[in-house]
C-alpha atoms as a PDB file:
ATOM      1  CA  UNK A   1       0.438  -2.778  10.340  1.00  0.00           C
ATOM      2  CA  UNK A   2       3.650  -2.120  11.641  1.00  0.00           C
ATOM      3  CA  UNK A   3       6.511  -3.630  11.008  1.00  0.00           C
ATOM      4  CA  UNK A   4      10.139  -4.210  10.070  1.00  0.00           C
ATOM      5  CA  UNK A   5      10.447  -2.768   6.462  1.00  0.00           C
ATOM      6  CA  UNK A   6      10.502  -5.943   4.181  1.00  0.00           C
ATOM      7  CA  UNK A   7      13.382  -5.019   1.267  1.00  0.00           C
ATOM      8  CA  UNK A   8      11.872  -4.936  -2.486  1.00  0.00           C
ATOM      9  CA  UNK A   9      12.727  -7.702  -4.599  1.00  0.00           C
ATOM     10  CA  UNK A  10      16.427 -10.133  -3.841  1.00  0.00           C
ATOM     11  CA  UNK A  11      19.917 -10.931  -5.072  1.00  0.00           C
ATOM     12  CA  UNK A  12      19.060 -12.578  -8.045  1.00  0.00           C
ATOM     13  CA  UNK A  13      22.099 -14.153  -8.450  1.00  0.00           C
ATOM     14  CA  UNK A  14      22.222 -15.519  -5.680  1.00  0.00           C
ATOM     15  CA  UNK A  15      19.028 -17.021  -5.948  1.00  0.00           C
ATOM     16  CA  UNK A  16      20.189 -18.258  -9.391  1.00  0.00           C
ATOM     17  CA  UNK A  17      23.508 -19.936  -7.509  1.00  0.00           C
ATOM     18  CA  UNK A  18      20.525 -21.884  -5.479  1.00  0.00           C
ATOM     19  CA  UNK A  19      18.209 -23.158  -7.359  1.00  0.00           C
ATOM     20  CA  UNK A  20      21.511 -24.118 -10.191  1.00  0.00           C
ATOM     21  CA  UNK A  21      22.429 -26.346  -7.299  1.00  0.00           C
ATOM     22  CA  UNK A  22      19.196 -27.851  -5.378  1.00  0.00           C
ATOM     23  CA  UNK A  23      17.442 -28.265  -8.873  1.00  0.00           C
ATOM     24  CA  UNK A  24      19.769 -29.312 -12.158  1.00  0.00           C
ATOM     25  CA  UNK A  25      17.015 -30.398 -14.470  1.00  0.00           C
ATOM     26  CA  UNK A  26      15.721 -26.676 -13.232  1.00  0.00           C
ATOM     27  CA  UNK A  27      19.667 -25.193 -13.952  1.00  0.00           C
ATOM     28  CA  UNK A  28      19.416 -26.452 -17.666  1.00  0.00           C
ATOM     29  CA  UNK A  29      16.659 -24.381 -17.870  1.00  0.00           C
ATOM     30  CA  UNK A  30      17.715 -21.760 -17.375  1.00  0.00           C
ATOM     31  CA  UNK A  31      20.663 -21.612 -19.126  1.00  0.00           C
ATOM     32  CA  UNK A  32      18.579 -22.363 -22.764  1.00  0.00           C
ATOM     33  CA  UNK A  33      16.722 -19.057 -21.300  1.00  0.00           C
ATOM     34  CA  UNK A  34      18.870 -17.185 -19.975  1.00  0.00           C
ATOM     35  CA  UNK A  35      19.463 -14.426 -17.265  1.00  0.00           C
ATOM     36  CA  UNK A  36      15.437 -12.932 -16.119  1.00  0.00           C
ATOM     37  CA  UNK A  37      15.450  -9.200 -15.272  1.00  0.00           C
ATOM     38  CA  UNK A  38      12.879  -7.707 -13.387  1.00  0.00           C
ATOM     39  CA  UNK A  39      11.741  -4.183 -12.188  1.00  0.00           C
ATOM     40  CA  UNK A  40      11.111  -4.402  -8.390  1.00  0.00           C
ATOM     41  CA  UNK A  41      11.735  -0.421  -7.970  1.00  0.00           C
ATOM     42  CA  UNK A  42       8.373   0.725  -9.828  1.00  0.00           C
ATOM     43  CA  UNK A  43       6.518   2.813  -7.551  1.00  0.00           C
ATOM     44  CA  UNK A  44       2.166   1.448  -7.928  1.00  0.00           C
ATOM     45  CA  UNK A  45      -0.735   1.728  -6.008  1.00  0.00           C
ATOM     46  CA  UNK A  46      -2.790  -1.073  -4.697  1.00  0.00           C
ATOM     47  CA  UNK A  47      -6.216  -0.573  -5.432  1.00  0.00           C
ATOM     48  CA  UNK A  48      -4.777   0.895  -9.032  1.00  0.00           C
ATOM     49  CA  UNK A  49      -2.909  -2.794  -9.379  1.00  0.00           C
ATOM     50  CA  UNK A  50      -5.746  -4.788  -7.604  1.00  0.00           C
ATOM     51  CA  UNK A  51      -7.908  -3.422 -10.314  1.00  0.00           C
ATOM     52  CA  UNK A  52      -6.793  -4.076 -12.815  1.00  0.00           C
ATOM     53  CA  UNK A  53      -6.748  -7.442 -11.779  1.00  0.00           C
ATOM     54  CA  UNK A  54      -9.923  -7.874 -11.488  1.00  0.00           C
ATOM     55  CA  UNK A  55     -10.755  -6.086 -14.973  1.00  0.00           C
ATOM     56  CA  UNK A  56      -8.713  -8.381 -16.590  1.00  0.00           C
ATOM     57  CA  UNK A  57     -10.340 -12.043 -14.960  1.00  0.00           C
ATOM     58  CA  UNK A  58     -11.529 -14.119 -17.712  1.00  0.00           C
ATOM     59  CA  UNK A  59     -10.850 -12.022 -20.343  1.00  0.00           C
ATOM     60  CA  UNK A  60      -8.205 -12.240 -23.316  1.00  0.00           C
ATOM     61  CA  UNK A  61      -5.241 -10.329 -22.516  1.00  0.00           C
ATOM     62  CA  UNK A  62      -6.171  -7.272 -25.482  1.00  0.00           C
ATOM     63  CA  UNK A  63      -9.753  -7.115 -24.325  1.00  0.00           C
ATOM     64  CA  UNK A  64      -8.949  -6.104 -20.765  1.00  0.00           C
ATOM     65  CA  UNK A  65      -6.416  -3.875 -22.022  1.00  0.00           C
ATOM     66  CA  UNK A  66      -8.768  -2.001 -23.613  1.00  0.00           C
ATOM     67  CA  UNK A  67     -11.300  -1.944 -20.617  1.00  0.00           C
ATOM     68  CA  UNK A  68      -8.929  -1.532 -18.061  1.00  0.00           C
ATOM     69  CA  UNK A  69      -8.032   1.631 -20.972  1.00  0.00           C
ATOM     70  CA  UNK A  70     -11.356   2.838 -20.711  1.00  0.00           C
ATOM     71  CA  UNK A  71     -12.211   3.003 -16.853  1.00  0.00           C
ATOM     72  CA  UNK A  72      -8.145   4.707 -16.407  1.00  0.00           C
ATOM     73  CA  UNK A  73      -9.596   7.536 -18.755  1.00  0.00           C
ATOM     74  CA  UNK A  74     -12.754   8.211 -16.229  1.00  0.00           C
ATOM     75  CA  UNK A  75     -10.121   8.293 -12.921  1.00  0.00           C
ATOM     76  CA  UNK A  76      -8.349  11.581 -12.153  1.00  0.00           C
ATOM     77  CA  UNK A  77      -4.668  11.213 -13.331  1.00  0.00           C
ATOM     78  CA  UNK A  78      -5.730   7.817 -15.546  1.00  0.00           C
ATOM     79  CA  UNK A  79      -4.479   6.232 -12.405  1.00  0.00           C
ATOM     80  CA  UNK A  80      -7.286   3.937 -10.441  1.00  0.00           C
ATOM     81  CA  UNK A  81      -8.650   5.094  -7.333  1.00  0.00           C
ATOM     82  CA  UNK A  82     -10.842   4.166  -3.940  1.00  0.00           C
ATOM     83  CA  UNK A  83     -12.002   7.831  -5.428  1.00  0.00           C
ATOM     84  CA  UNK A  84     -12.177   7.865  -8.475  1.00  0.00           C
ATOM     85  CA  UNK A  85     -13.839   4.120  -9.238  1.00  0.00           C
ATOM     86  CA  UNK A  86     -17.010   5.835  -6.240  1.00  0.00           C
ATOM     87  CA  UNK A  87     -17.119   9.055  -8.634  1.00  0.00           C
ATOM     88  CA  UNK A  88     -18.014   7.024 -11.708  1.00  0.00           C
ATOM     89  CA  UNK A  89     -21.495   5.728 -11.456  1.00  0.00           C
ATOM     90  CA  UNK A  90     -22.211   2.655 -13.010  1.00  0.00           C
ATOM     91  CA  UNK A  91     -23.492   4.144 -16.279  1.00  0.00           C
ATOM     92  CA  UNK A  92     -19.570   5.022 -16.322  1.00  0.00           C
ATOM     93  CA  UNK A  93     -18.619   1.706 -16.053  1.00  0.00           C
ATOM     94  CA  UNK A  94     -20.678  -0.133 -18.020  1.00  0.00           C
ATOM     95  CA  UNK A  95     -20.005   2.455 -20.694  1.00  0.00           C
ATOM     96  CA  UNK A  96     -16.302   1.241 -20.508  1.00  0.00           C
ATOM     97  CA  UNK A  97     -16.982  -2.284 -20.855  1.00  0.00           C
ATOM     98  CA  UNK A  98     -17.188  -3.075 -17.273  1.00  0.00           C
ATOM     99  CA  UNK A  99     -19.194  -6.383 -16.566  1.00  0.00           C
ATOM    100  CA  UNK A 100     -21.347  -6.305 -13.199  1.00  0.00           C
ATOM    101  CA  UNK A 101     -20.078  -8.597 -11.840  1.00  0.00           C
ATOM    102  CA  UNK A 102     -16.837  -6.114 -11.864  1.00  0.00           C
ATOM    103  CA  UNK A 103     -18.621  -3.350 -10.965  1.00  0.00           C
ATOM    104  CA  UNK A 104     -19.699  -4.959  -7.277  1.00  0.00           C
ATOM    105  CA  UNK A 105     -15.791  -5.855  -6.995  1.00  0.00           C
ATOM    106  CA  UNK A 106     -14.716  -2.598  -8.048  1.00  0.00           C
ATOM    107  CA  UNK A 107     -16.673  -1.344  -5.483  1.00  0.00           C
ATOM    108  CA  UNK A 108     -15.953  -3.740  -3.195  1.00  0.00           C
ATOM    109  CA  UNK A 109     -12.479  -2.425  -3.654  1.00  0.00           C
ATOM    110  CA  UNK A 110     -12.995   0.993  -3.560  1.00  0.00           C
ATOM    111  CA  UNK A 111     -15.336   0.229  -0.098  1.00  0.00           C
ATOM    112  CA  UNK A 112     -12.133  -1.765   1.648  1.00  0.00           C
ATOM    113  CA  UNK A 113      -9.670   0.438   0.495  1.00  0.00           C
ATOM    114  CA  UNK A 114     -11.883   3.256   2.359  1.00  0.00           C
ATOM    115  CA  UNK A 115     -11.780   0.774   5.337  1.00  0.00           C
ATOM    116  CA  UNK A 116      -8.288   0.450   6.032  1.00  0.00           C
ATOM    117  CA  UNK A 117      -8.124  -3.290   5.096  1.00  0.00           C
ATOM    118  CA  UNK A 118      -6.387  -2.410   1.718  1.00  0.00           C
ATOM    119  CA  UNK A 119      -3.336  -1.113   3.071  1.00  0.00           C
ATOM    120  CA  UNK A 120      -1.838   1.715   1.688  1.00  0.00           C
ATOM    121  CA  UNK A 121       1.998   1.513  -0.266  1.00  0.00           C
ATOM    122  CA  UNK A 122       3.897   2.211   2.326  1.00  0.00           C
ATOM    123  CA  UNK A 123       2.364  -0.354   4.389  1.00  0.00           C
ATOM    124  CA  UNK A 124       2.681  -2.739   2.466  1.00  0.00           C
ATOM    125  CA  UNK A 125       6.624  -3.494   2.374  1.00  0.00           C
ATOM    126  CA  UNK A 126       6.503  -3.511   6.447  1.00  0.00           C
ATOM    127  CA  UNK A 127       3.710  -6.356   5.749  1.00  0.00           C
ATOM    128  CA  UNK A 128       4.345 -10.293   5.389  1.00  0.00           C
ATOM    129  CA  UNK A 129       3.372 -12.338   2.397  1.00  0.00           C
ATOM    130  CA  UNK A 130       0.919 -14.324   4.004  1.00  0.00           C
ATOM    131  CA  UNK A 131      -0.578 -11.199   6.385  1.00  0.00           C
ATOM    132  CA  UNK A 132      -0.596  -9.040   2.668  1.00  0.00           C
ATOM    133  CA  UNK A 133      -2.629 -12.391   1.204  1.00  0.00           C
ATOM    134  CA  UNK A 134      -5.421 -12.432   4.541  1.00  0.00           C
ATOM    135  CA  UNK A 135      -6.167  -8.687   3.799  1.00  0.00           C
ATOM    136  CA  UNK A 136      -6.650  -8.512   0.011  1.00  0.00           C
ATOM    137  CA  UNK A 137      -8.414 -12.385  -0.143  1.00  0.00           C
ATOM    138  CA  UNK A 138     -10.847  -9.850   1.609  1.00  0.00           C
ATOM    139  CA  UNK A 139     -11.870  -7.972  -2.058  1.00  0.00           C
ATOM    140  CA  UNK A 140     -14.815  -9.495  -3.667  1.00  0.00           C
ATOM    141  CA  UNK A 141     -12.732 -11.361  -6.788  1.00  0.00           C
ATOM    142  CA  UNK A 142      -9.146 -11.066  -4.947  1.00  0.00           C
ATOM    143  CA  UNK A 143      -7.934 -15.136  -5.167  1.00  0.00           C
ATOM    144  CA  UNK A 144      -5.136 -15.709  -3.037  1.00  0.00           C
ATOM    145  CA  UNK A 145      -3.174 -16.126  -7.218  1.00  0.00           C
ATOM    146  CA  UNK A 146      -4.254 -12.655  -7.373  1.00  0.00           C
ATOM    147  CA  UNK A 147      -2.367 -11.070  -4.620  1.00  0.00           C
ATOM    148  CA  UNK A 148       0.695 -13.665  -5.684  1.00  0.00           C
ATOM    149  CA  UNK A 149       0.840 -11.983  -8.535  1.00  0.00           C
ATOM    150  CA  UNK A 150       0.977  -8.570  -6.769  1.00  0.00           C
ATOM    151  CA  UNK A 151       3.420  -9.789  -4.070  1.00  0.00           C
ATOM    152  CA  UNK A 152       5.914 -11.824  -7.309  1.00  0.00           C
ATOM    153  CA  UNK A 153       5.996  -8.983  -9.915  1.00  0.00           C
ATOM    154  CA  UNK A 154       4.813  -5.535  -8.022  1.00  0.00           C
ATOM    155  CA  UNK A 155       7.148  -6.714  -4.701  1.00  0.00           C
ATOM    156  CA  UNK A 156       9.954  -9.174  -5.610  1.00  0.00           C
ATOM    157  CA  UNK A 157       9.249 -10.561  -2.891  1.00  0.00           C
ATOM    158  CA  UNK A 158      11.310 -13.831  -2.844  1.00  0.00           C
ATOM    159  CA  UNK A 159       9.547 -16.955  -1.852  1.00  0.00           C
ATOM    160  CA  UNK A 160       6.464 -17.670  -3.000  1.00  0.00           C
ATOM    161  CA  UNK A 161       5.544 -20.252  -5.303  1.00  0.00           C
ATOM    162  CA  UNK A 162       1.305 -19.799  -7.489  1.00  0.00           C
ATOM    163  CA  UNK A 163       0.793 -24.305  -6.893  1.00  0.00           C
ATOM    164  CA  UNK A 164      -2.588 -23.542  -8.737  1.00  0.00           C
ATOM    165  CA  UNK A 165      -1.659 -21.659 -11.980  1.00  0.00           C
ATOM    166  CA  UNK A 166      -1.289 -23.762 -14.619  1.00  0.00           C
ATOM    167  CA  UNK A 167       2.305 -22.516 -16.020  1.00  0.00           C
ATOM    168  CA  UNK A 168       3.980 -23.123 -12.895  1.00  0.00           C
ATOM    169  CA  UNK A 169       2.725 -26.564 -12.885  1.00  0.00           C
ATOM    170  CA  UNK A 170       2.615 -27.161 -16.855  1.00  0.00           C
ATOM    171  CA  UNK A 171       6.602 -25.543 -16.634  1.00  0.00           C
ATOM    172  CA  UNK A 172       6.973 -28.481 -13.773  1.00  0.00           C
ATOM    173  CA  UNK A 173       6.102 -31.254 -15.883  1.00  0.00           C
ATOM    174  CA  UNK A 174       7.973 -30.363 -18.826  1.00  0.00           C
ATOM    175  CA  UNK A 175      11.357 -29.834 -16.934  1.00  0.00           C
ATOM    176  CA  UNK A 176      10.853 -33.074 -14.787  1.00  0.00           C
ATOM    177  CA  UNK A 177       9.281 -34.904 -17.717  1.00  0.00           C
ATOM    178  CA  UNK A 178       5.528 -35.090 -15.156  1.00  0.00           C
ATOM    179  CA  UNK A 179       3.082 -37.873 -17.252  1.00  0.00           C
ATOM    180  CA  UNK A 180       0.797 -35.465 -15.867  1.00  0.00           C
ATOM    181  CA  UNK A 181       0.871 -32.044 -14.483  1.00  0.00           C
ATOM    182  CA  UNK A 182       1.664 -32.218 -10.752  1.00  0.00           C
ATOM    183  CA  UNK A 183      -1.781 -31.207  -8.210  1.00  0.00           C
ATOM    184  CA  UNK A 184      -1.182 -27.712  -6.438  1.00  0.00           C
ATOM    185  CA  UNK A 185      -0.618 -29.789  -3.492  1.00  0.00           C
ATOM    186  CA  UNK A 186       2.191 -32.212  -4.353  1.00  0.00           C
ATOM    187  CA  UNK A 187       4.107 -29.100  -6.756  1.00  0.00           C
ATOM    188  CA  UNK A 188       3.896 -27.025  -2.934  1.00  0.00           C
ATOM    189  CA  UNK A 189       5.364 -30.229  -1.740  1.00  0.00           C
ATOM    190  CA  UNK A 190       7.463 -30.998  -4.468  1.00  0.00           C
ATOM    191  CA  UNK A 191       8.896 -27.123  -4.239  1.00  0.00           C
ATOM    192  CA  UNK A 192      10.296 -26.989  -0.933  1.00  0.00           C
ATOM    193  CA  UNK A 193      13.739 -27.306  -3.355  1.00  0.00           C
ATOM    194  CA  UNK A 194      13.305 -24.274  -4.451  1.00  0.00           C
ATOM    195  CA  UNK A 195      13.249 -22.356  -1.704  1.00  0.00           C
ATOM    196  CA  UNK A 196      13.448 -19.427  -0.403  1.00  0.00           C
ATOM    197  CA  UNK A 197      13.621 -18.340  -3.936  1.00  0.00           C
ATOM    198  CA  UNK A 198      10.550 -20.105  -5.550  1.00  0.00           C
ATOM    199  CA  UNK A 199       9.501 -17.080  -6.853  1.00  0.00           C
ATOM    200  CA  UNK A 200      12.561 -17.281  -9.412  1.00  0.00           C
ATOM    201  CA  UNK A 201      12.138 -20.598  -9.701  1.00  0.00           C
ATOM    202  CA  UNK A 202       7.999 -19.462 -10.527  1.00  0.00           C
ATOM    203  CA  UNK A 203       9.918 -16.952 -13.572  1.00  0.00           C
ATOM    204  CA  UNK A 204      11.727 -19.517 -15.282  1.00  0.00           C
ATOM    205  CA  UNK A 205       8.738 -22.089 -15.206  1.00  0.00           C
ATOM    206  CA  UNK A 206       6.662 -19.888 -16.657  1.00  0.00           C
ATOM    207  CA  UNK A 207       9.973 -18.971 -19.449  1.00  0.00           C
ATOM    208  CA  UNK A 208       9.722 -23.150 -19.894  1.00  0.00           C
ATOM    209  CA  UNK A 209       6.494 -23.300 -21.382  1.00  0.00           C
ATOM    210  CA  UNK A 210       6.569 -20.096 -23.528  1.00  0.00           C
ATOM    211  CA  UNK A 211      10.220 -21.759 -25.025  1.00  0.00           C
ATOM    212  CA  UNK A 212       8.142 -24.974 -25.166  1.00  0.00           C
ATOM    213  CA  UNK A 213       5.522 -23.369 -27.402  1.00  0.00           C
ATOM    214  CA  UNK A 214       7.186 -20.908 -29.165  1.00  0.00           C
ATOM    215  CA  UNK A 215       4.640 -18.348 -30.726  1.00  0.00           C
ATOM    216  CA  UNK A 216       4.688 -17.283 -33.503  1.00  0.00           C
ATOM    217  CA  UNK A 217       5.977 -14.785 -35.521  1.00  0.00           C
ATOM    218  CA  UNK A 218       3.555 -12.516 -36.316  1.00  0.00           C
ATOM    219  CA  UNK A 219       2.248 -12.604 -32.925  1.00  0.00           C
ATOM    220  CA  UNK A 220       2.081  -8.962 -30.541  1.00  0.00           C
ATOM    221  CA  UNK A 221       2.757 -10.062 -26.746  1.00  0.00           C
ATOM    222  CA  UNK A 222      -0.489  -8.742 -25.267  1.00  0.00           C
ATOM    223  CA  UNK A 223      -0.148  -6.905 -21.347  1.00  0.00           C
ATOM    224  CA  UNK A 224      -1.235  -8.544 -18.523  1.00  0.00           C
ATOM    225  CA  UNK A 225      -2.375  -6.845 -15.601  1.00  0.00           C
ATOM    226  CA  UNK A 226       0.490  -6.735 -13.235  1.00  0.00           C
ATOM    227  CA  UNK A 227       2.527  -5.014 -16.589  1.00  0.00           C
ATOM    228  CA  UNK A 228       3.190  -1.295 -15.551  1.00  0.00           C
END
């Protein structure tokens, strides 16, 4: 897993200028939403991040956050690790609210980490986007979308477009006035106009959906799996 170090994050100003030139309709929404800020320098452990993604699957944000908190309380230093997963028996994980399928996924994550399939933090920055996807989708319960979220939110890779994400598809529909949400294959081709900054375009497309459907004032924000 050697290679050239890939910097974390990208020049947001340059990316914004590029998107504004390439997509005038998106540019209007960008001006309406305003600048977006992201901290790509926060340290994280791949096993902990992937375990949180597994735990958040098919659950509401509040329920997932509660279960994740219980699991982390059972881990050394409050962080999910391969050794920590191995040290907690199935009954302990069940008591925390983890389903049998997710327990199996966590066990596989721990095994794949110890086998070297899940890269160590120092290895992540030397692997291409596709190499990381190819490695991590070998873990039970981890699909391409999950790895794309890690690439975007944790590593700040500049050119990721999660075409299967409903929010991205809906945002594209709103921005460009399509009758229907574009299919993933069509979105992949359509989104080429945003390269090489498809990550920032995706961040704005999610915000477009929020702006078009604002939450109630009494609604509290809920943490997502990749929130630190």
